[in-house]
Amino acid sequence: RTVRNEGLALTPSQEHGRQLFGITCGQCHKLAAAHTAGRIGPDLDKLKPNTPLVLDAIQRGRARGIGRMPAGLYRGKDAQDIASFVNRTAGRQ
């Protein structure tokens, strides 16, 4: 089963990732598909990160730019779902 999000078909896992992204990541990151406008972290629509890059950022954190992303915000399937959602939607709206 797929879920439509602003014209993009999302798997149930990607939809779960969208929800988690909105709770935690959207405070800092801009991503049109999640309706977030964070200004501390990178604009993911411009960056268009792939799944491995998103997973690495979630696992290791980041200390670039004007903010500090802590490591380990999510783990396992939750991290995979967020990375898949970002990869599917970033820069596509």
C-alpha atoms as a PDB file:
ATOM      1  CA  ARG A   1       0.000   0.000   0.000  1.00  0.00           C
ATOM      2  CA  THR A   2       1.279   3.447  -0.854  1.00  0.00           C
ATOM      3  CA  VAL A   3       0.400   6.834   0.570  1.00  0.00           C
ATOM      4  CA  ARG A   4       0.241   9.974  -1.575  1.00  0.00           C
ATOM      5  CA  ASN A   5       2.198  12.937  -0.239  1.00  0.00           C
ATOM      6  CA  GLU A   6       2.071  16.079  -2.359  1.00  0.00           C
ATOM      7  CA  GLY A   7       1.942  13.985  -5.532  1.00  0.00           C
ATOM      8  CA  LEU A   8       4.651  11.525  -4.465  1.00  0.00           C
ATOM      9  CA  ALA A   9       3.762   7.942  -3.632  1.00  0.00           C
ATOM     10  CA  LEU A  10       5.215   6.899  -0.274  1.00  0.00           C
ATOM     11  CA  THR A  11       5.478   3.409   1.126  1.00  0.00           C
ATOM     12  CA  PRO A  12       4.100   2.881   4.640  1.00  0.00           C
ATOM     13  CA  SER A  13       7.712   2.951   5.918  1.00  0.00           C
ATOM     14  CA  GLN A  14       8.384   6.267   4.180  1.00  0.00           C
ATOM     15  CA  GLU A  15       5.151   7.691   5.602  1.00  0.00           C
ATOM     16  CA  HIS A  16       6.346   6.600   9.058  1.00  0.00           C
ATOM     17  CA  GLY A  17       9.652   8.338   8.313  1.00  0.00           C
ATOM     18  CA  ARG A  18       7.741  11.499   7.328  1.00  0.00           C
ATOM     19  CA  GLN A  19       5.962  11.512  10.672  1.00  0.00           C
ATOM     20  CA  LEU A  20       9.186  11.018  12.650  1.00  0.00           C
ATOM     21  CA  PHE A  21      10.960  13.671  10.570  1.00  0.00           C
ATOM     22  CA  GLY A  22       8.203  16.139  11.404  1.00  0.00           C
ATOM     23  CA  ILE A  23       8.537  15.446  15.132  1.00  0.00           C
ATOM     24  CA  THR A  24      12.301  15.771  15.465  1.00  0.00           C
ATOM     25  CA  CYS A  25      14.117  16.806  12.302  1.00  0.00           C
ATOM     26  CA  GLY A  26      11.863  19.544  10.984  1.00  0.00           C
ATOM     27  CA  GLN A  27      12.782  21.855  13.821  1.00  0.00           C
ATOM     28  CA  CYS A  28      16.157  22.368  12.154  1.00  0.00           C
ATOM     29  CA  HIS A  29      15.790  21.198   8.545  1.00  0.00           C
ATOM     30  CA  LYS A  30      13.737  22.537   5.675  1.00  0.00           C
ATOM     31  CA  LEU A  31      11.969  19.826   3.644  1.00  0.00           C
ATOM     32  CA  ALA A  32       8.909  20.691   1.562  1.00  0.00           C
ATOM     33  CA  ALA A  33       7.454  17.163   1.666  1.00  0.00           C
ATOM     34  CA  ALA A  34       7.344  17.340   5.469  1.00  0.00           C
ATOM     35  CA  HIS A  35       6.073  20.944   5.483  1.00  0.00           C
ATOM     36  CA  THR A  36       9.028  22.009   7.636  1.00  0.00           C
ATOM     37  CA  ALA A  37      10.966  25.251   7.445  1.00  0.00           C
ATOM     38  CA  GLY A  38      13.859  24.785   9.880  1.00  0.00           C
ATOM     39  CA  ARG A  39      16.761  27.174   9.387  1.00  0.00           C
ATOM     40  CA  ILE A  40      19.511  25.773  11.580  1.00  0.00           C
ATOM     41  CA  GLY A  41      20.458  22.653   9.606  1.00  0.00           C
ATOM     42  CA  PRO A  42      20.882  22.268   5.862  1.00  0.00           C
ATOM     43  CA  ASP A  43      17.939  22.722   3.492  1.00  0.00           C
ATOM     44  CA  LEU A  44      17.415  19.091   2.478  1.00  0.00           C
ATOM     45  CA  ASP A  45      15.543  20.071  -0.691  1.00  0.00           C
ATOM     46  CA  LYS A  46      18.722  21.779  -1.891  1.00  0.00           C
ATOM     47  CA  LEU A  47      21.124  19.161  -0.515  1.00  0.00           C
ATOM     48  CA  LYS A  48      19.141  16.138  -1.828  1.00  0.00           C
ATOM     49  CA  PRO A  49      21.015  13.638   0.365  1.00  0.00           C
ATOM     50  CA  ASN A  50      20.951   9.945  -0.462  1.00  0.00           C
ATOM     51  CA  THR A  51      19.904   7.287   2.031  1.00  0.00           C
ATOM     52  CA  PRO A  52      23.430   6.393   3.255  1.00  0.00           C
ATOM     53  CA  LEU A  53      24.249  10.068   3.922  1.00  0.00           C
ATOM     54  CA  VAL A  54      21.044  10.591   5.913  1.00  0.00           C
ATOM     55  CA  LEU A  55      21.657   7.407   7.921  1.00  0.00           C
ATOM     56  CA  ASP A  56      25.219   8.499   8.665  1.00  0.00           C
ATOM     57  CA  ALA A  57      24.024  11.922   9.853  1.00  0.00           C
ATOM     58  CA  ILE A  58      21.377  10.308  12.080  1.00  0.00           C
ATOM     59  CA  GLN A  59      23.873   7.832  13.541  1.00  0.00           C
ATOM     60  CA  ARG A  60      26.940  10.080  13.932  1.00  0.00           C
ATOM     61  CA  GLY A  61      25.419  13.542  14.184  1.00  0.00           C
ATOM     62  CA  ARG A  62      26.909  16.630  12.584  1.00  0.00           C
ATOM     63  CA  ALA A  63      28.766  19.708  13.802  1.00  0.00           C
ATOM     64  CA  ARG A  64      28.759  21.917  10.711  1.00  0.00           C
ATOM     65  CA  GLY A  65      26.998  25.165   9.990  1.00  0.00           C
ATOM     66  CA  ILE A  66      25.318  27.091  12.774  1.00  0.00           C
ATOM     67  CA  GLY A  67      23.892  24.100  14.639  1.00  0.00           C
ATOM     68  CA  ARG A  68      24.913  20.820  16.212  1.00  0.00           C
ATOM     69  CA  MET A  69      22.964  17.713  15.298  1.00  0.00           C
ATOM     70  CA  PRO A  70      23.292  15.136  18.085  1.00  0.00           C
ATOM     71  CA  ALA A  71      24.168  11.553  17.235  1.00  0.00           C
ATOM     72  CA  GLY A  72      21.676   8.744  17.649  1.00  0.00           C
ATOM     73  CA  LEU A  73      18.421  10.702  17.385  1.00  0.00           C
ATOM     74  CA  TYR A  74      16.841   7.554  15.928  1.00  0.00           C
ATOM     75  CA  ARG A  75      18.023   3.957  15.513  1.00  0.00           C
ATOM     76  CA  GLY A  76      17.155   0.871  13.513  1.00  0.00           C
ATOM     77  CA  LYS A  77      13.971   0.867  11.464  1.00  0.00           C
ATOM     78  CA  ASP A  78      13.044   4.406  12.538  1.00  0.00           C
ATOM     79  CA  ALA A  79      16.338   5.756  11.170  1.00  0.00           C
ATOM     80  CA  GLN A  80      15.907   3.695   7.982  1.00  0.00           C
ATOM     81  CA  ASP A  81      12.380   5.018   7.497  1.00  0.00           C
ATOM     82  CA  ILE A  82      13.476   8.638   7.876  1.00  0.00           C
ATOM     83  CA  ALA A  83      16.402   8.166   5.494  1.00  0.00           C
ATOM     84  CA  SER A  84      14.161   6.509   2.925  1.00  0.00           C
ATOM     85  CA  PHE A  85      11.588   9.307   3.204  1.00  0.00           C
ATOM     86  CA  VAL A  86      14.208  12.059   2.814  1.00  0.00           C
ATOM     87  CA  ASN A  87      15.833  10.280  -0.127  1.00  0.00           C
ATOM     88  CA  ARG A  88      12.444   9.828  -1.838  1.00  0.00           C
ATOM     89  CA  THR A  89      11.222  13.383  -1.379  1.00  0.00           C
ATOM     90  CA  ALA A  90      14.113  15.861  -1.059  1.00  0.00           C
ATOM     91  CA  GLY A  91      14.136  18.312  -3.937  1.00  0.00           C
ATOM     92  CA  ARG A  92      11.102  16.815  -5.631  1.00  0.00           C
ATOM     93  CA  GLN A  93       8.458  19.398  -4.733  1.00  0.00           C
END
